[in-house]
Amino acid sequence: MPLSQALRKLTEAGLLIALILRPPPQPLPPQFRMDLHCAYHQGPGLETDRCTALRHAIQDLIDQGLVHLGQSSVTQNPLPAHTTHAVPPLDGGIHFLDFADLDDHICMLS
């Protein structure tokens, strides 16, 4: 769930409130962006979904037991069915197999 959506739900539930608006820091840090807005800080500087302070505030609610993430269960939320389809081998066989580390590709030459 994006942090902006979590902020909205936690605010509606009365568990979290936005911070009091403060003026931008002076001088502005290099990463400060006047074109972005954070709903938690109620001001410019960053996107809500990338707000570390909001992330920590939500983690504090979890640590206090006020927010429960729920336990995943394979009986209530099973994985989708998988196929056992396999790609048949090439007619001439595989003579060279190379693993490219940079892009996680496997190259097969016959």
N, C-alpha and C. Protein backbone atom coordinates (compact mmCIF):
# COMPACT_ATOMS: atom_id res chain seq x y z
N MET A 1 0.85 -1.17 0.00
CA MET A 1 0.00 0.00 0.00
C MET A 1 0.90 1.24 0.00
N PRO A 2 0.64 2.19 -0.88
CA PRO A 2 1.43 3.42 -0.89
C PRO A 2 1.27 4.19 0.43
N LEU A 3 2.30 4.92 0.82
CA LEU A 3 2.25 5.68 2.06
C LEU A 3 1.14 6.73 2.04
N SER A 4 0.87 7.32 0.88
CA SER A 4 -0.20 8.32 0.80
C SER A 4 -1.55 7.70 1.15
N GLN A 5 -1.79 6.48 0.70
CA GLN A 5 -3.04 5.78 1.00
C GLN A 5 -3.08 5.39 2.48
N ALA A 6 -1.96 4.94 3.02
CA ALA A 6 -1.90 4.59 4.44
C ALA A 6 -2.14 5.82 5.30
N LEU A 7 -1.57 6.96 4.91
CA LEU A 7 -1.79 8.20 5.66
C LEU A 7 -3.28 8.56 5.67
N ARG A 8 -3.92 8.44 4.52
CA ARG A 8 -5.34 8.77 4.44
C ARG A 8 -6.16 7.86 5.35
N LYS A 9 -5.90 6.55 5.31
CA LYS A 9 -6.66 5.61 6.13
C LYS A 9 -6.39 5.81 7.62
N LEU A 10 -5.14 6.03 7.99
CA LEU A 10 -4.80 6.23 9.40
C LEU A 10 -5.34 7.56 9.93
N THR A 11 -5.40 8.57 9.07
CA THR A 11 -5.99 9.86 9.47
C THR A 11 -7.49 9.71 9.67
N GLU A 12 -8.15 9.02 8.76
CA GLU A 12 -9.59 8.78 8.89
C GLU A 12 -9.91 7.98 10.14
N ALA A 13 -9.01 7.08 10.53
CA ALA A 13 -9.23 6.26 11.73
C ALA A 13 -8.84 7.01 13.01
N GLY A 14 -8.27 8.20 12.86
CA GLY A 14 -7.88 8.99 14.03
C GLY A 14 -6.59 8.52 14.68
N LEU A 15 -5.80 7.74 13.98
CA LEU A 15 -4.56 7.22 14.54
C LEU A 15 -3.34 8.08 14.20
N LEU A 16 -3.48 8.95 13.23
CA LEU A 16 -2.35 9.76 12.78
C LEU A 16 -2.86 11.11 12.30
N ILE A 17 -2.12 12.15 12.59
CA ILE A 17 -2.47 13.47 12.07
C ILE A 17 -1.25 14.04 11.35
N ALA A 18 -1.51 14.89 10.38
CA ALA A 18 -0.43 15.51 9.63
C ALA A 18 0.35 16.45 10.55
N LEU A 19 1.61 16.64 10.21
CA LEU A 19 2.46 17.54 10.99
C LEU A 19 2.06 18.99 10.77
N ILE A 20 2.43 19.85 11.69
CA ILE A 20 2.17 21.28 11.56
C ILE A 20 3.09 21.83 10.48
N LEU A 21 2.53 22.62 9.59
CA LEU A 21 3.29 23.18 8.48
C LEU A 21 4.41 24.07 9.00
N ARG A 22 5.61 23.81 8.54
CA ARG A 22 6.77 24.63 8.89
C ARG A 22 7.34 25.23 7.61
N PRO A 23 8.02 26.37 7.70
CA PRO A 23 8.63 26.94 6.49
C PRO A 23 9.76 26.03 5.99
N PRO A 24 10.05 26.07 4.71
CA PRO A 24 11.14 25.26 4.17
C PRO A 24 12.47 25.63 4.84
N PRO A 25 13.37 24.66 4.96
CA PRO A 25 14.66 24.94 5.59
C PRO A 25 15.48 25.92 4.76
N GLN A 26 16.26 26.72 5.44
CA GLN A 26 17.14 27.67 4.75
C GLN A 26 18.57 27.42 5.18
N PRO A 27 19.48 27.27 4.31
CA PRO A 27 19.32 27.16 2.86
C PRO A 27 18.67 25.83 2.49
N LEU A 28 18.07 25.80 1.32
CA LEU A 28 17.40 24.57 0.86
C LEU A 28 18.44 23.48 0.58
N PRO A 29 18.22 22.27 1.13
CA PRO A 29 19.11 21.15 0.81
C PRO A 29 19.04 20.83 -0.69
N PRO A 30 20.07 20.23 -1.26
CA PRO A 30 20.09 19.92 -2.70
C PRO A 30 18.94 19.02 -3.14
N GLN A 31 18.48 18.11 -2.27
CA GLN A 31 17.41 17.17 -2.65
C GLN A 31 16.01 17.76 -2.45
N PHE A 32 15.90 18.98 -1.89
CA PHE A 32 14.60 19.61 -1.63
C PHE A 32 13.97 20.02 -2.94
N ARG A 33 12.71 19.63 -3.16
CA ARG A 33 12.01 19.93 -4.41
C ARG A 33 10.75 20.73 -4.13
N MET A 34 10.73 21.97 -4.57
CA MET A 34 9.57 22.84 -4.36
C MET A 34 8.36 22.37 -5.18
N ASP A 35 8.57 21.57 -6.23
CA ASP A 35 7.48 21.12 -7.08
C ASP A 35 6.78 19.87 -6.54
N LEU A 36 7.30 19.28 -5.45
CA LEU A 36 6.68 18.10 -4.86
C LEU A 36 5.98 18.48 -3.56
N HIS A 37 4.96 17.69 -3.19
CA HIS A 37 4.18 17.99 -1.99
C HIS A 37 4.04 16.74 -1.13
N CYS A 38 4.19 16.92 0.18
CA CYS A 38 4.00 15.83 1.13
C CYS A 38 2.77 16.14 1.98
N ALA A 39 1.78 15.26 1.93
CA ALA A 39 0.56 15.46 2.71
C ALA A 39 0.82 15.33 4.21
N TYR A 40 1.82 14.56 4.60
CA TYR A 40 2.13 14.39 6.02
C TYR A 40 2.79 15.66 6.57
N HIS A 41 3.70 16.25 5.81
CA HIS A 41 4.35 17.49 6.23
C HIS A 41 3.52 18.73 5.87
N GLN A 42 2.50 18.55 5.04
CA GLN A 42 1.64 19.63 4.57
C GLN A 42 2.43 20.72 3.86
N GLY A 43 3.41 20.32 3.10
CA GLY A 43 4.22 21.32 2.41
C GLY A 43 5.09 20.71 1.34
N PRO A 44 5.90 21.55 0.69
CA PRO A 44 6.75 21.09 -0.41
C PRO A 44 8.01 20.41 0.11
N GLY A 45 8.70 19.79 -0.82
CA GLY A 45 10.00 19.21 -0.50
C GLY A 45 10.17 17.78 -0.95
N LEU A 46 9.12 16.97 -0.84
CA LEU A 46 9.20 15.57 -1.22
C LEU A 46 7.79 15.03 -1.46
N GLU A 47 7.72 13.82 -2.01
CA GLU A 47 6.43 13.17 -2.23
C GLU A 47 6.02 12.42 -0.97
N THR A 48 4.74 12.36 -0.73
CA THR A 48 4.22 11.63 0.43
C THR A 48 4.68 10.18 0.43
N ASP A 49 4.67 9.54 -0.74
CA ASP A 49 5.02 8.13 -0.83
C ASP A 49 6.50 7.86 -0.58
N ARG A 50 7.32 8.89 -0.48
CA ARG A 50 8.75 8.72 -0.21
C ARG A 50 9.15 9.36 1.13
N CYS A 51 8.18 9.65 1.97
CA CYS A 51 8.43 10.36 3.22
C CYS A 51 8.92 9.41 4.32
N THR A 52 10.17 9.58 4.72
CA THR A 52 10.76 8.73 5.75
C THR A 52 10.11 8.99 7.11
N ALA A 53 9.78 10.25 7.41
CA ALA A 53 9.14 10.57 8.69
C ALA A 53 7.78 9.88 8.80
N LEU A 54 7.02 9.83 7.72
CA LEU A 54 5.73 9.14 7.73
C LEU A 54 5.94 7.65 7.91
N ARG A 55 6.94 7.11 7.24
CA ARG A 55 7.26 5.68 7.36
C ARG A 55 7.55 5.33 8.83
N HIS A 56 8.33 6.19 9.50
CA HIS A 56 8.67 5.96 10.92
C HIS A 56 7.43 6.11 11.81
N ALA A 57 6.56 7.07 11.50
CA ALA A 57 5.35 7.26 12.30
C ALA A 57 4.44 6.03 12.21
N ILE A 58 4.34 5.46 11.01
CA ILE A 58 3.52 4.26 10.83
C ILE A 58 4.16 3.08 11.55
N GLN A 59 5.49 2.97 11.49
CA GLN A 59 6.17 1.89 12.20
C GLN A 59 5.97 2.03 13.71
N ASP A 60 5.95 3.25 14.23
CA ASP A 60 5.69 3.47 15.66
C ASP A 60 4.30 2.96 16.04
N LEU A 61 3.30 3.20 15.17
CA LEU A 61 1.94 2.71 15.43
C LEU A 61 1.91 1.18 15.44
N ILE A 62 2.68 0.57 14.55
CA ILE A 62 2.75 -0.90 14.50
C ILE A 62 3.42 -1.41 15.77
N ASP A 63 4.53 -0.78 16.18
CA ASP A 63 5.26 -1.19 17.38
C ASP A 63 4.41 -1.05 18.65
N GLN A 64 3.53 -0.05 18.67
CA GLN A 64 2.65 0.17 19.83
C GLN A 64 1.44 -0.77 19.82
N GLY A 65 1.28 -1.53 18.75
CA GLY A 65 0.16 -2.45 18.66
C GLY A 65 -1.14 -1.79 18.23
N LEU A 66 -1.07 -0.54 17.75
CA LEU A 66 -2.28 0.16 17.32
C LEU A 66 -2.66 -0.17 15.89
N VAL A 67 -1.72 -0.64 15.12
CA VAL A 67 -1.96 -1.03 13.74
C VAL A 67 -1.48 -2.47 13.59
N HIS A 68 -2.33 -3.31 13.05
CA HIS A 68 -2.00 -4.71 12.84
C HIS A 68 -1.99 -4.98 11.34
N LEU A 69 -0.93 -5.58 10.87
CA LEU A 69 -0.82 -5.88 9.45
C LEU A 69 -1.53 -7.17 9.09
N GLY A 70 -1.88 -7.97 10.08
CA GLY A 70 -2.56 -9.24 9.82
C GLY A 70 -1.54 -10.30 9.45
N GLN A 71 -1.90 -11.52 9.64
CA GLN A 71 -1.04 -12.64 9.31
C GLN A 71 -1.48 -13.23 7.98
N SER A 72 -0.53 -13.46 7.10
CA SER A 72 -0.89 -14.09 5.83
C SER A 72 -1.14 -15.57 6.07
N SER A 73 -2.02 -16.13 5.31
CA SER A 73 -2.38 -17.53 5.47
C SER A 73 -2.58 -18.15 4.10
N VAL A 74 -1.97 -19.30 3.89
CA VAL A 74 -2.12 -19.96 2.60
C VAL A 74 -3.52 -20.54 2.42
N THR A 75 -4.26 -20.74 3.50
CA THR A 75 -5.62 -21.24 3.33
C THR A 75 -6.59 -20.10 3.02
N GLN A 76 -6.33 -18.92 3.55
CA GLN A 76 -7.21 -17.78 3.28
C GLN A 76 -6.78 -17.02 2.03
N ASN A 77 -5.50 -17.03 1.71
CA ASN A 77 -4.99 -16.29 0.57
C ASN A 77 -3.96 -17.15 -0.16
N PRO A 78 -4.43 -18.22 -0.83
CA PRO A 78 -3.47 -19.13 -1.47
C PRO A 78 -2.83 -18.50 -2.70
N LEU A 79 -1.68 -19.04 -3.05
CA LEU A 79 -1.03 -18.60 -4.28
C LEU A 79 -1.84 -19.09 -5.47
N PRO A 80 -1.78 -18.39 -6.59
CA PRO A 80 -2.51 -18.87 -7.77
C PRO A 80 -1.94 -20.19 -8.26
N ALA A 81 -2.77 -20.93 -8.97
CA ALA A 81 -2.32 -22.21 -9.51
C ALA A 81 -1.21 -21.97 -10.53
N HIS A 82 -0.21 -22.83 -10.49
CA HIS A 82 0.91 -22.70 -11.42
C HIS A 82 0.85 -23.82 -12.44
N THR A 83 1.38 -23.57 -13.60
CA THR A 83 1.42 -24.58 -14.64
C THR A 83 2.74 -25.34 -14.56
N THR A 84 2.74 -26.55 -15.04
CA THR A 84 3.96 -27.34 -15.08
C THR A 84 4.50 -27.39 -16.50
N HIS A 85 4.04 -26.46 -17.33
CA HIS A 85 4.47 -26.40 -18.73
C HIS A 85 5.97 -26.15 -18.81
N ALA A 86 6.64 -26.97 -19.60
CA ALA A 86 8.08 -26.80 -19.80
C ALA A 86 8.35 -26.55 -21.27
N VAL A 87 9.36 -25.79 -21.54
CA VAL A 87 9.74 -25.53 -22.93
C VAL A 87 10.53 -26.73 -23.42
N PRO A 88 10.13 -27.31 -24.57
CA PRO A 88 10.86 -28.49 -25.07
C PRO A 88 12.27 -28.10 -25.50
N PRO A 89 13.22 -29.04 -25.42
CA PRO A 89 14.59 -28.74 -25.83
C PRO A 89 14.66 -28.49 -27.33
N LEU A 90 15.70 -27.78 -27.74
CA LEU A 90 15.91 -27.50 -29.16
C LEU A 90 16.23 -28.80 -29.89
N ASP A 91 15.91 -28.85 -31.20
CA ASP A 91 16.14 -30.06 -31.99
C ASP A 91 17.60 -30.47 -32.00
N GLY A 92 18.51 -29.51 -32.14
CA GLY A 92 19.93 -29.84 -32.24
C GLY A 92 20.60 -29.95 -30.89
N GLY A 93 19.88 -29.81 -29.82
CA GLY A 93 20.47 -29.84 -28.49
C GLY A 93 21.09 -28.49 -28.14
N ILE A 94 21.51 -28.35 -26.92
CA ILE A 94 22.13 -27.12 -26.45
C ILE A 94 23.62 -27.36 -26.36
N HIS A 95 24.40 -26.52 -27.07
CA HIS A 95 25.85 -26.68 -27.09
C HIS A 95 26.56 -25.62 -26.25
N PHE A 96 25.87 -24.55 -25.93
CA PHE A 96 26.50 -23.48 -25.17
C PHE A 96 25.44 -22.80 -24.30
N LEU A 97 25.73 -22.64 -23.03
CA LEU A 97 24.82 -22.00 -22.10
C LEU A 97 25.59 -20.91 -21.37
N ASP A 98 25.10 -19.67 -21.44
CA ASP A 98 25.80 -18.54 -20.83
C ASP A 98 24.84 -17.78 -19.93
N PHE A 99 25.31 -17.44 -18.73
CA PHE A 99 24.52 -16.66 -17.79
C PHE A 99 25.06 -15.24 -17.78
N ALA A 100 24.24 -14.26 -18.14
CA ALA A 100 24.64 -12.86 -18.14
C ALA A 100 24.26 -12.26 -16.80
N ASP A 101 25.25 -11.89 -15.99
CA ASP A 101 25.01 -11.38 -14.63
C ASP A 101 24.27 -10.04 -14.63
N LEU A 102 24.53 -9.19 -15.59
CA LEU A 102 24.00 -7.84 -15.53
C LEU A 102 22.48 -7.76 -15.71
N ASP A 103 21.93 -8.62 -16.54
CA ASP A 103 20.51 -8.50 -16.79
C ASP A 103 19.72 -9.78 -16.54
N ASP A 104 20.31 -10.73 -15.82
CA ASP A 104 19.65 -11.98 -15.44
C ASP A 104 19.05 -12.73 -16.64
N HIS A 105 19.76 -12.76 -17.75
CA HIS A 105 19.30 -13.50 -18.91
C HIS A 105 20.14 -14.76 -19.07
N ILE A 106 19.54 -15.78 -19.62
CA ILE A 106 20.25 -17.02 -19.95
C ILE A 106 20.26 -17.12 -21.47
N CYS A 107 21.43 -17.26 -22.05
CA CYS A 107 21.55 -17.38 -23.50
C CYS A 107 21.88 -18.83 -23.84
N MET A 108 21.07 -19.43 -24.71
CA MET A 108 21.29 -20.81 -25.14
C MET A 108 21.55 -20.83 -26.63
N LEU A 109 22.65 -21.43 -27.04
CA LEU A 109 22.99 -21.55 -28.47
C LEU A 109 23.07 -23.02 -28.82
N SER A 110 22.52 -23.35 -29.97
CA SER A 110 22.58 -24.74 -30.40
C SER A 110 23.59 -24.89 -31.51
